[in-house]
Amino acid sequence: MLGEHYHEEPAAVGSPEQHEALFVCRLGQGAFRIVVTDTYDRRCALTGERTLPVLEAAHIKPYSSGGAHDITNGLLLRSDLHTLFDRGYLTVTPEYRLEVSRRIREE
């Protein structure tokens, strides 16, 4: 469903909750990025882009919502597409099909 993978409102900057959330979210993130990058042969899943500095490992189901640092929950995306994905403009269906929101044309 579009927008299903957006992130919840972050805790206040500098709060103990924010520091804890940042610590928990980063555990395993490096290994996740390596596995996703290797699995996708260092190419964006959507465009085939190969410039490594602009490629990011994206969680299909956000880690903050119980998504695992697991390849079955990962996509390698160009950074601009990752931003669109996180904001609900792009999504992946349960059948692993990419859907583009109508909001892209409307906005």
Protein backbone atom coordinates (compact mmCIF):
# COMPACT_ATOMS: atom_id res chain seq x y z
CA MET A 1 0.00 0.00 0.00
CA LEU A 2 1.36 3.44 -0.88
CA GLY A 3 2.87 5.31 2.01
CA GLU A 4 2.98 2.21 4.17
CA HIS A 5 6.73 2.44 4.68
CA TYR A 6 6.96 6.03 5.96
CA HIS A 7 8.80 6.69 9.19
CA GLU A 8 7.11 7.86 12.37
CA GLU A 9 7.77 11.35 13.74
CA PRO A 10 11.24 11.35 15.35
CA ALA A 11 11.82 12.10 19.01
CA ALA A 12 12.94 15.60 19.99
CA VAL A 13 16.51 16.41 18.94
CA GLY A 14 18.95 15.56 21.71
CA SER A 15 16.42 13.64 23.79
CA PRO A 16 17.36 10.32 25.42
CA GLU A 17 14.72 8.63 23.23
CA GLN A 18 16.38 9.96 20.07
CA HIS A 19 19.82 8.75 21.13
CA GLU A 20 18.44 5.31 21.96
CA ALA A 21 16.54 5.12 18.66
CA LEU A 22 19.63 6.10 16.68
CA PHE A 23 21.72 3.48 18.49
CA VAL A 24 19.17 0.69 17.97
CA CYS A 25 18.51 1.56 14.31
CA ARG A 26 22.21 1.51 13.41
CA LEU A 27 22.91 -1.96 14.81
CA GLY A 28 23.25 -4.18 11.76
CA GLN A 29 22.80 -1.33 9.27
CA GLY A 30 26.33 -1.64 7.86
CA ALA A 31 26.01 -5.37 7.24
CA PHE A 32 22.55 -4.81 5.73
CA ARG A 33 23.98 -2.27 3.28
CA ILE A 34 26.79 -4.64 2.25
CA VAL A 35 24.45 -7.59 1.69
CA VAL A 36 21.91 -5.52 -0.26
CA THR A 37 24.63 -3.87 -2.37
CA ASP A 38 26.19 -7.23 -3.22
CA THR A 39 22.85 -8.93 -3.89
CA TYR A 40 21.89 -6.24 -6.39
CA ASP A 41 25.34 -6.44 -8.04
CA ARG A 42 26.01 -2.82 -7.07
CA ARG A 43 23.16 -1.57 -9.28
CA CYS A 44 20.02 0.36 -8.43
CA ALA A 45 17.06 -2.06 -8.49
CA LEU A 46 15.04 0.41 -10.59
CA THR A 47 17.48 2.20 -12.88
CA GLY A 48 20.61 0.07 -13.02
CA GLU A 49 22.74 3.01 -11.80
CA ARG A 50 26.21 1.80 -10.75
CA THR A 51 27.69 4.90 -9.06
CA LEU A 52 28.20 3.49 -5.56
CA PRO A 53 28.21 6.82 -3.65
CA VAL A 54 24.60 7.51 -4.70
CA LEU A 55 23.27 4.01 -3.95
CA GLU A 56 21.50 3.30 -0.67
CA ALA A 57 20.11 0.18 0.96
CA ALA A 58 16.40 0.73 1.58
CA HIS A 59 14.15 -1.30 3.86
CA ILE A 60 10.87 -2.35 2.22
CA LYS A 61 9.29 -2.47 5.68
CA PRO A 62 11.05 0.12 7.87
CA TYR A 63 13.34 -1.18 10.56
CA SER A 64 11.56 1.15 13.00
CA SER A 65 8.30 -0.71 12.24
CA GLY A 66 9.72 -4.17 12.78
CA GLY A 67 11.34 -4.68 9.38
CA ALA A 68 14.45 -6.82 9.51
CA HIS A 69 17.97 -6.07 8.33
CA ASP A 70 17.47 -8.95 5.88
CA ILE A 71 17.89 -9.16 2.10
CA THR A 72 14.23 -10.14 1.68
CA ASN A 73 13.41 -6.73 3.19
CA GLY A 74 15.91 -4.75 1.14
CA LEU A 75 16.27 -2.83 -2.11
CA LEU A 76 19.28 -1.02 -3.50
CA LEU A 77 18.08 2.37 -4.71
CA ARG A 78 19.54 5.59 -6.00
CA SER A 79 19.38 8.15 -3.19
CA ASP A 80 16.67 10.25 -4.90
CA LEU A 81 14.49 7.18 -5.43
CA HIS A 82 15.10 6.08 -1.85
CA THR A 83 13.78 9.48 -0.69
CA LEU A 84 10.66 9.08 -2.87
CA PHE A 85 10.21 5.54 -1.54
CA ASP A 86 10.48 6.66 2.10
CA ARG A 87 7.98 9.46 1.51
CA GLY A 88 5.37 7.18 -0.07
CA TYR A 89 5.74 8.23 -3.72
CA LEU A 90 7.00 4.75 -4.63
CA THR A 91 6.16 1.47 -2.97
CA VAL A 92 6.55 -2.27 -3.40
CA THR A 93 3.45 -4.44 -3.42
CA PRO A 94 3.27 -7.80 -1.61
CA GLU A 95 3.89 -9.32 -5.08
CA TYR A 96 7.19 -7.34 -5.26
CA ARG A 97 5.92 -4.99 -7.98
CA LEU A 98 6.86 -1.32 -7.95
CA GLU A 99 3.96 1.13 -7.79
CA VAL A 100 4.26 4.86 -8.39
CA SER A 101 1.88 7.17 -6.54
CA ARG A 102 -0.38 9.50 -8.52
CA ARG A 103 0.93 12.26 -6.22
CA ILE A 104 4.05 12.48 -8.41
CA ARG A 105 2.00 13.79 -11.33
CA GLU A 106 -0.35 15.82 -9.15
CA GLU A 107 2.42 17.64 -7.30
